[in-house]
Protein backbone atom coordinates (compact mmCIF):
# COMPACT_ATOMS: atom_id res chain seq x y z
CA UNK A 1 0.00 0.00 0.00
CA UNK A 2 1.95 2.99 1.27
CA UNK A 3 5.30 1.50 0.34
CA UNK A 4 4.60 2.60 -3.20
CA UNK A 5 4.68 6.17 -1.99
CA UNK A 6 8.30 5.80 -0.96
CA UNK A 7 9.28 5.96 -4.61
CA UNK A 8 7.64 9.35 -5.00
CA UNK A 9 9.01 11.00 -1.87
CA UNK A 10 12.44 11.94 -3.18
CA UNK A 11 13.38 15.01 -5.15
CA UNK A 12 13.56 14.43 -8.90
CA UNK A 13 17.13 14.38 -10.19
CA UNK A 14 18.70 14.46 -13.64
CA UNK A 15 19.84 10.82 -13.56
CA UNK A 16 19.70 9.03 -16.92
CA UNK A 17 16.61 6.93 -17.53
CA UNK A 18 17.32 3.19 -17.60
CA UNK A 19 15.60 0.59 -19.75
CA UNK A 20 13.77 -0.73 -16.69
CA UNK A 21 12.36 2.72 -15.96
CA UNK A 22 11.06 3.00 -19.53
CA UNK A 23 9.36 -0.40 -19.29
CA UNK A 24 7.86 0.57 -15.93
CA UNK A 25 6.50 3.82 -17.41
CA UNK A 26 4.91 1.89 -20.28
CA UNK A 27 3.26 -0.53 -17.85
CA UNK A 28 2.05 2.38 -15.72
CA UNK A 29 0.59 4.06 -18.80
CA UNK A 30 -1.31 0.92 -19.83
CA UNK A 31 -2.66 0.44 -16.30
CA UNK A 32 -3.73 4.08 -16.04
CA UNK A 33 -5.51 4.10 -19.42
CA UNK A 34 -7.27 0.78 -18.75
CA UNK A 35 -8.40 2.03 -15.36
CA UNK A 36 -9.81 5.26 -16.77
CA UNK A 37 -11.50 3.75 -19.85
CA UNK A 38 -12.81 0.58 -18.19
CA UNK A 39 -14.27 2.22 -15.10
CA UNK A 40 -15.75 5.05 -17.16
CA UNK A 41 -17.56 2.46 -19.29
CA UNK A 42 -19.01 0.74 -16.21
CA UNK A 43 -20.25 4.09 -14.86
CA UNK A 44 -21.80 4.96 -18.23
CA UNK A 45 -23.66 1.64 -18.48
CA UNK A 46 -25.08 1.82 -14.95
CA UNK A 47 -26.18 5.40 -15.54
CA UNK A 48 -27.73 4.82 -18.97
CA UNK A 49 -29.33 1.37 -18.60
CA UNK A 50 -32.39 1.41 -16.29
CA UNK A 51 -32.27 -2.36 -15.65
CA UNK A 52 -28.91 -1.92 -13.90
CA UNK A 53 -30.29 0.44 -11.27
CA UNK A 54 -30.39 -1.82 -8.23
CA UNK A 55 -28.84 -1.77 -4.77
CA UNK A 56 -26.01 -4.06 -5.86
CA UNK A 57 -25.26 -2.04 -8.96
CA UNK A 58 -25.21 1.22 -6.97
CA UNK A 59 -22.28 -0.17 -5.00
CA UNK A 60 -20.67 -1.60 -8.14
CA UNK A 61 -20.96 1.81 -9.79
CA UNK A 62 -19.51 3.40 -6.67
CA UNK A 63 -16.59 0.95 -6.90
CA UNK A 64 -16.01 2.03 -10.49
CA UNK A 65 -16.12 5.73 -9.55
CA UNK A 66 -13.58 5.19 -6.77
CA UNK A 67 -11.28 3.18 -9.06
CA UNK A 68 -11.65 5.83 -11.77
CA UNK A 69 -10.65 8.52 -9.28
CA UNK A 70 -7.67 6.42 -8.19
CA UNK A 71 -6.66 5.94 -11.83
CA UNK A 72 -6.75 9.68 -12.49
CA UNK A 73 -4.64 10.43 -9.41
CA UNK A 74 -2.26 7.64 -10.40
CA UNK A 75 -1.72 9.15 -13.85
CA UNK A 76 -1.16 12.60 -12.35
CA UNK A 77 1.24 11.35 -9.66
CA UNK A 78 3.25 8.74 -11.55
CA UNK A 79 3.18 9.74 -15.22
CA UNK A 80 3.29 13.53 -15.02
CA UNK A 81 6.34 15.47 -13.75
CA UNK A 82 6.48 16.06 -10.02
CA UNK A 83 6.11 19.72 -9.01
CA UNK A 84 9.09 21.39 -7.36
CA UNK A 85 8.85 22.37 -3.72
CA UNK A 86 8.15 26.11 -3.27
CA UNK A 87 10.48 28.30 -1.27
CA UNK A 88 7.87 28.96 1.41
CA UNK A 89 8.27 26.44 4.22
CA UNK A 90 4.53 26.25 4.87
CA UNK A 91 3.63 25.78 1.21
CA UNK A 92 6.39 23.19 0.80
CA UNK A 93 5.13 21.26 3.83
CA UNK A 94 1.53 21.28 2.54
CA UNK A 95 2.60 20.14 -0.93
CA UNK A 96 4.77 17.43 0.58
CA UNK A 97 2.06 16.07 2.87
CA UNK A 98 -0.94 16.27 0.54
CA UNK A 99 0.56 15.59 -2.89
CA UNK A 100 4.13 14.31 -2.97
CA UNK A 101 3.22 11.71 -0.33
CA UNK A 102 0.71 10.21 -2.81
CA UNK A 103 -1.92 10.61 -0.09
CA UNK A 104 -4.89 10.97 -2.51
CA UNK A 105 -4.00 7.75 -4.33
CA UNK A 106 -3.63 5.67 -1.18
CA UNK A 107 -6.65 7.26 0.44
CA UNK A 108 -8.88 6.19 -2.44
CA UNK A 109 -7.26 2.76 -2.56
CA UNK A 110 -8.53 2.28 1.00
CA UNK A 111 -11.93 3.62 -0.14
CA UNK A 112 -11.97 0.93 -2.82
CA UNK A 113 -11.30 -1.71 -0.16
CA UNK A 114 -14.09 -0.40 2.08
CA UNK A 115 -16.56 -0.40 -0.81
CA UNK A 116 -15.56 -3.95 -1.72
CA UNK A 117 -16.31 -5.05 1.85
CA UNK A 118 -19.70 -3.29 1.63
CA UNK A 119 -20.45 -5.18 -1.58
CA UNK A 120 -19.55 -8.42 0.15
CA UNK A 121 -21.83 -7.67 3.11
CA UNK A 122 -24.64 -6.58 0.79
CA UNK A 123 -24.53 -9.97 -0.96
CA UNK A 124 -24.45 -11.70 2.42
CA UNK A 125 -27.69 -10.06 3.56
CA UNK A 126 -29.34 -10.52 0.16
CA UNK A 127 -28.78 -14.27 0.19
CA UNK A 128 -28.71 -15.08 3.91
CA UNK A 129 -31.56 -12.78 5.01
CA UNK A 130 -33.62 -12.03 1.86
CA UNK A 131 -36.72 -10.74 3.68
CA UNK A 132 -34.81 -8.21 5.77
CA UNK A 133 -32.81 -7.30 2.69
CA UNK A 134 -35.91 -6.32 0.69
CA UNK A 135 -37.28 -4.13 3.47
CA UNK A 136 -34.06 -2.50 4.66
CA UNK A 137 -31.74 -2.25 1.64
CA UNK A 138 -33.50 0.50 -0.28
CA UNK A 139 -31.98 2.59 -3.06
CA UNK A 140 -31.85 5.62 -0.77
CA UNK A 141 -29.91 3.69 1.87
CA UNK A 142 -27.62 2.24 -0.78
CA UNK A 143 -26.72 5.72 -2.01
CA UNK A 144 -26.13 6.88 1.56
CA UNK A 145 -23.97 3.82 2.19
CA UNK A 146 -21.93 4.62 -0.92
CA UNK A 147 -20.72 7.85 0.71
CA UNK A 148 -19.01 5.95 3.55
CA UNK A 149 -15.93 4.74 1.59
CA UNK A 150 -15.20 8.29 0.38
CA UNK A 151 -14.90 9.45 3.99
CA UNK A 152 -13.11 6.45 5.50
CA UNK A 153 -10.34 6.14 2.90
CA UNK A 154 -8.75 9.62 3.05
CA UNK A 155 -9.13 9.76 6.85
CA UNK A 156 -7.48 6.37 7.22
CA UNK A 157 -4.42 7.50 5.25
CA UNK A 158 -4.19 10.87 6.98
CA UNK A 159 -1.56 9.49 9.37
CA UNK A 160 0.69 8.69 6.41
CA UNK A 161 0.36 12.25 5.12
CA UNK A 162 1.07 13.85 8.50
CA UNK A 163 4.42 12.11 9.01
CA UNK A 164 5.79 13.52 5.74
CA UNK A 165 8.38 16.28 6.25
CA UNK A 166 10.74 18.32 4.09
CA UNK A 167 14.35 17.86 5.19
CA UNK A 168 17.26 20.30 4.84
CA UNK A 169 18.14 18.95 1.38
CA UNK A 170 14.64 19.57 0.04
CA UNK A 171 13.48 15.95 0.04
CA UNK A 172 9.97 14.94 1.05
CA UNK A 173 10.25 11.81 3.18
CA UNK A 174 8.35 10.16 6.06
CA UNK A 175 9.73 11.07 9.47
CA UNK A 176 8.18 9.02 12.27
CA UNK A 177 8.26 10.48 15.81
CA UNK A 178 9.45 7.11 17.11
CA UNK A 179 10.25 3.65 15.79
CA UNK A 180 7.67 2.14 18.13
CA UNK A 181 4.90 4.32 16.68
CA UNK A 182 5.93 3.32 13.16
CA UNK A 183 5.79 -0.36 14.06
CA UNK A 184 2.41 -0.04 15.78
CA UNK A 185 0.84 1.89 12.90
CA UNK A 186 2.43 -0.47 10.38
CA UNK A 187 0.76 -3.45 12.03
CA UNK A 188 -2.56 -1.58 12.29
CA UNK A 189 -2.43 -0.59 8.61
CA UNK A 190 -1.71 -4.19 7.60
CA UNK A 191 -4.57 -5.56 9.69
CA UNK A 192 -7.33 -3.08 8.81
CA UNK A 193 -6.40 -2.60 5.15
CA UNK A 194 -5.61 -6.20 4.27
CA UNK A 195 -6.11 -8.92 6.89
CA UNK A 196 -9.49 -7.70 8.17
CA UNK A 197 -11.09 -7.27 4.70
CA UNK A 198 -9.66 -10.61 3.55
CA UNK A 199 -11.00 -12.36 6.66
CA UNK A 200 -14.45 -10.81 6.21
CA UNK A 201 -14.59 -11.73 2.52
CA UNK A 202 -13.45 -15.32 3.10
CA UNK A 203 -15.96 -15.88 5.92
CA UNK A 204 -18.86 -14.25 4.09
CA UNK A 205 -18.30 -16.03 0.78
CA UNK A 206 -17.83 -19.38 2.49
CA UNK A 207 -21.15 -18.87 4.29
CA UNK A 208 -22.88 -17.73 1.09
CA UNK A 209 -21.60 -20.68 -0.95
CA UNK A 210 -22.79 -23.16 1.67
CA UNK A 211 -26.20 -21.46 1.78
CA UNK A 212 -26.54 -21.43 -2.02
CA UNK A 213 -25.57 -25.09 -2.28
CA UNK A 214 -28.33 -26.04 0.15
CA UNK A 215 -30.87 -23.84 -1.65
CA UNK A 216 -29.79 -25.12 -5.05
CA UNK A 217 -30.30 -28.72 -4.00
CA UNK A 218 -33.75 -27.97 -2.61
CA UNK A 219 -34.62 -26.02 -5.77
CA UNK A 220 -33.51 -28.91 -7.99
CA UNK A 221 -35.75 -31.28 -6.04
CA UNK A 222 -38.73 -28.92 -6.32
CA UNK A 223 -38.39 -28.37 -10.07
CA UNK A 224 -39.65 -30.90 -12.68
CA UNK A 225 -37.19 -33.43 -14.11
CA UNK A 226 -36.72 -31.43 -17.29
CA UNK A 227 -35.34 -28.55 -15.25
CA UNK A 228 -37.25 -26.00 -17.35
CA UNK A 229 -40.20 -24.21 -15.82
CA UNK A 230 -41.39 -23.03 -19.21
CA UNK A 231 -41.80 -26.60 -20.54
CA UNK A 232 -43.86 -27.56 -17.52
CA UNK A 233 -45.99 -24.46 -17.92
CA UNK A 234 -46.71 -25.09 -21.59
CA UNK A 235 -47.69 -28.70 -20.84
CA UNK A 236 -49.98 -27.53 -18.06
CA UNK A 237 -51.68 -24.97 -20.29
CA UNK A 238 -51.98 -27.48 -23.13
CA UNK A 239 -53.71 -29.86 -20.74
CA UNK A 240 -56.08 -27.06 -19.71
CA UNK A 241 -56.89 -26.38 -23.38
CA UNK A 242 -57.76 -30.02 -24.09
CA UNK A 243 -59.86 -30.35 -20.96
CA UNK A 244 -61.79 -27.19 -21.77
CA UNK A 245 -63.17 -28.86 -24.92
CA UNK A 246 -64.86 -31.52 -22.78
CA UNK A 247 -65.70 -29.66 -19.60
CA UNK A 248 -68.12 -26.77 -19.87
CA UNK A 249 -70.35 -24.57 -17.72
CA UNK A 250 -69.80 -23.84 -14.05
CA UNK A 251 -68.03 -27.14 -13.40
CA UNK A 252 -65.51 -26.41 -16.14
CA UNK A 253 -64.82 -22.92 -14.83
CA UNK A 254 -64.47 -24.27 -11.30
CA UNK A 255 -62.08 -27.02 -12.41
CA UNK A 256 -60.04 -24.56 -14.47
CA UNK A 257 -59.84 -22.18 -11.52
CA UNK A 258 -58.65 -24.97 -9.22
CA UNK A 259 -56.01 -25.99 -11.75
CA UNK A 260 -54.74 -22.45 -12.16
CA UNK A 261 -54.54 -22.07 -8.38
CA UNK A 262 -52.68 -25.37 -8.07
CA UNK A 263 -50.32 -24.33 -10.89
CA UNK A 264 -49.45 -21.02 -9.28
CA UNK A 265 -48.82 -22.52 -5.86
CA UNK A 266 -46.91 -25.59 -7.06
CA UNK A 267 -44.82 -24.35 -9.98
CA UNK A 268 -44.34 -20.62 -9.49
CA UNK A 269 -42.38 -20.56 -6.22
CA UNK A 270 -39.79 -23.19 -7.29
CA UNK A 271 -39.27 -21.54 -10.69
CA UNK A 272 -38.84 -18.11 -9.16
CA UNK A 273 -36.45 -19.57 -6.63
CA UNK A 274 -34.56 -21.27 -9.48
CA UNK A 275 -34.19 -18.00 -11.42
CA UNK A 276 -33.18 -16.19 -8.24
CA UNK A 277 -30.46 -18.72 -7.49
CA UNK A 278 -29.12 -18.44 -11.04
CA UNK A 279 -28.94 -14.66 -10.67
CA UNK A 280 -27.34 -14.91 -7.24
CA UNK A 281 -24.70 -17.28 -8.60
CA UNK A 282 -23.86 -14.84 -11.41
CA UNK A 283 -23.32 -11.88 -9.09
CA UNK A 284 -21.62 -14.04 -6.48
CA UNK A 285 -19.16 -15.44 -9.02
CA UNK A 286 -18.34 -11.92 -10.21
CA UNK A 287 -17.75 -10.49 -6.74
CA UNK A 288 -15.82 -13.59 -5.69
CA UNK A 289 -13.38 -13.03 -8.57
CA UNK A 290 -13.13 -9.33 -7.68
CA UNK A 291 -12.32 -10.23 -4.07
CA UNK A 292 -9.77 -12.84 -5.14
CA UNK A 293 -8.07 -10.30 -7.42
CA UNK A 294 -7.87 -7.89 -4.47
CA UNK A 295 -6.18 -10.54 -2.31
CA UNK A 296 -3.67 -11.45 -5.02
CA UNK A 297 -2.94 -7.89 -6.16
CA UNK A 298 -2.47 -6.26 -2.77
CA UNK A 299 -0.90 -9.15 -0.83
CA UNK A 300 2.76 -8.72 -1.92
CA UNK A 301 2.86 -4.94 -1.48
CA UNK A 302 1.08 -5.01 1.87
CA UNK A 303 3.60 -7.59 3.09
CA UNK A 304 6.52 -5.43 1.96
CA UNK A 305 5.09 -2.38 3.71
CA UNK A 306 4.58 -4.35 6.94
CA UNK A 307 8.16 -5.63 6.88
CA UNK A 308 9.45 -2.12 6.18
CA UNK A 309 7.61 -0.69 9.20
CA UNK A 310 8.88 -3.52 11.39
CA UNK A 311 12.46 -2.55 10.61
CA UNK A 312 13.32 -4.99 7.82
CA UNK A 313 15.55 -3.55 5.10
CA UNK A 314 13.56 -3.25 1.85
CA UNK A 315 15.00 -2.49 -1.58
CA UNK A 316 12.37 -0.18 -3.04
CA UNK A 317 14.06 -0.11 -6.44
CA UNK A 318 14.34 -3.89 -6.59
CA UNK A 319 12.47 -6.21 -8.90
CA UNK A 320 10.22 -7.72 -6.22
CA UNK A 321 9.00 -4.35 -4.98
CA UNK A 322 8.43 -3.03 -8.50
CA UNK A 323 6.41 -6.14 -9.36
CA UNK A 324 4.36 -5.71 -6.19
CA UNK A 325 3.66 -2.12 -7.26
CA UNK A 326 2.45 -3.28 -10.67
CA UNK A 327 0.23 -5.94 -9.09
CA UNK A 328 -1.31 -3.45 -6.66
CA UNK A 329 -2.01 -0.91 -9.39
CA UNK A 330 -3.55 -3.57 -11.63
CA UNK A 331 -6.39 -3.84 -9.13
CA UNK A 332 -7.68 -0.45 -10.34
CA UNK A 333 -8.29 -1.72 -13.88
CA UNK A 334 -9.11 -5.41 -13.28
CA UNK A 335 -12.64 -4.94 -11.94
CA UNK A 336 -14.19 -3.65 -15.21
CA UNK A 337 -12.59 -6.57 -17.06
CA UNK A 338 -14.09 -9.02 -14.56
CA UNK A 339 -17.52 -7.38 -14.92
CA UNK A 340 -17.31 -7.56 -18.72
CA UNK A 341 -16.61 -11.31 -18.75
CA UNK A 342 -18.59 -12.59 -15.76
CA UNK A 343 -21.40 -10.19 -14.80
CA UNK A 344 -24.34 -11.23 -17.00
CA UNK A 345 -26.45 -8.10 -16.48
CA UNK A 346 -23.54 -5.83 -17.42
CA UNK A 347 -22.72 -8.00 -20.43
CA UNK A 348 -26.30 -7.63 -21.66
CA UNK A 349 -26.18 -3.87 -21.15
CA UNK A 350 -22.85 -3.69 -22.97
CA UNK A 351 -24.23 -5.58 -25.97
CA UNK A 352 -27.27 -3.34 -25.96
CA UNK A 353 -25.37 -0.05 -25.88
CA UNK A 354 -22.37 -1.13 -27.95
CA UNK A 355 -23.66 -3.66 -30.52
CA UNK A 356 -21.14 -5.52 -32.64
CA UNK A 357 -20.99 -4.09 -36.12
CA UNK A 358 -20.27 -5.66 -39.48
CA UNK A 359 -19.26 -2.99 -41.96
CA UNK A 360 -21.55 -0.02 -41.48
CA UNK A 361 -24.58 -1.95 -40.24
CA UNK A 362 -25.09 -3.38 -36.79
CA UNK A 363 -25.88 -7.05 -36.61
CA UNK A 364 -29.59 -7.67 -36.16
CA UNK A 365 -30.47 -8.95 -32.72
CA UNK A 366 -32.61 -12.08 -32.52
CA UNK A 367 -36.24 -11.23 -31.78
CA UNK A 368 -37.76 -12.89 -28.79
CA UNK A 369 -41.23 -14.12 -29.63
CA UNK A 370 -42.35 -14.23 -26.04
CA UNK A 371 -43.05 -11.36 -23.81
CA UNK A 372 -41.11 -10.85 -20.64
CA UNK A 373 -41.83 -9.37 -17.32
CA UNK A 374 -39.24 -7.93 -14.97
CA UNK A 375 -39.32 -8.33 -11.24
CA UNK A 376 -36.72 -7.50 -8.59
CA UNK A 377 -35.58 -10.25 -6.26
CA UNK A 378 -32.69 -9.84 -3.85
CA UNK A 379 -31.54 -6.61 -5.49
CA UNK A 380 -31.45 -8.16 -9.00
CA UNK A 381 -33.87 -7.71 -11.87
CA UNK A 382 -34.58 -10.96 -13.64
CA UNK A 383 -36.67 -11.72 -16.73
CA UNK A 384 -39.25 -14.44 -16.43
CA UNK A 385 -40.98 -15.86 -19.49
CA UNK A 386 -44.70 -15.32 -19.77
CA UNK A 387 -47.23 -17.18 -21.85
CA UNK A 388 -50.73 -16.29 -22.99
CA UNK A 389 -53.66 -18.38 -21.84
CA UNK A 390 -56.50 -19.38 -24.24
CA UNK A 391 -58.63 -16.51 -22.87
CA UNK A 392 -55.95 -13.89 -23.57
CA UNK A 393 -54.75 -13.47 -19.99
CA UNK A 394 -51.07 -13.48 -19.11
CA UNK A 395 -49.82 -16.18 -16.76
CA UNK A 396 -46.45 -15.57 -15.15
CA UNK A 397 -43.91 -18.33 -14.65
């Protein structure tokens, strides 16, 4: 985390640029551009596509906004020339603490972590406590919850900014009041920025997976052998059509009414539960990959920073540290890629807004001959097939 900032806390000199520095700049440029373009696309899709406006997607959009902000600060801090320290001691101290320390970048990296934990907890309540989730997780509360990471992140990294000082040679470097304080804060930073989020995510996703496996088994038992609710529905309606030719009058209407009531109570709940579990698995798989990428990307750099604060000698210009920097920064641009390949709702929105084109004409989309109805279950909008009864009424699967 903050060990990356050590590279930016020295005064720029006129040393010749090595081949490794050029390669590192190219990698930084690619990461910065991918972070800006990818996260901007996610924000655009959530804003423009009404079907993506749910509690889960509010937090996903907030994650993209935070990562976009981090990407912009990263480009400004690592790819643009560093400003020179002014002659005024006060101005130099402010510039050192708030900019040359890379405080904005690391503050919003913590904000990204906090938002990821919120996404994890949101999925936990949606799957573990669905009734409470529907009544308590409203859009208004989701938007209010999205403000929390923006406050926690910069405040969390304020300690790192405050220990930055300008020495007699004009260098901006961290100066801890005592070695003991550095060690204590180093351990605290490692725990609350890495170990605690990782522990929460591992516990929550383990609990969710066990819950979904139990629900999936019960759903499979409840559904017909074909596994398709629509096939069962069509067979049921076809049976009603044939029976209506023989049965007439009040008895026929009564029998038809009893059959429709039996159909709704017997088939509808399992099919809805089946669709809900499919949707939950899609979002869960996406967020599980996002969490795993966070663990892999931030693990090496967080370990280096912990060792540095505990007094271990660290070569900040070495290969291992530079690779840990690249891994940590990749986390800013990986999330949109994960969404594009694994999040079904976002993939549908992406195909809708950016259709594949052949020549000058867009490829025609296949027309669905059946109507669809949208309902929200567990923070996700799912499309259930509907069929028309012989009397023109719509029966929902």
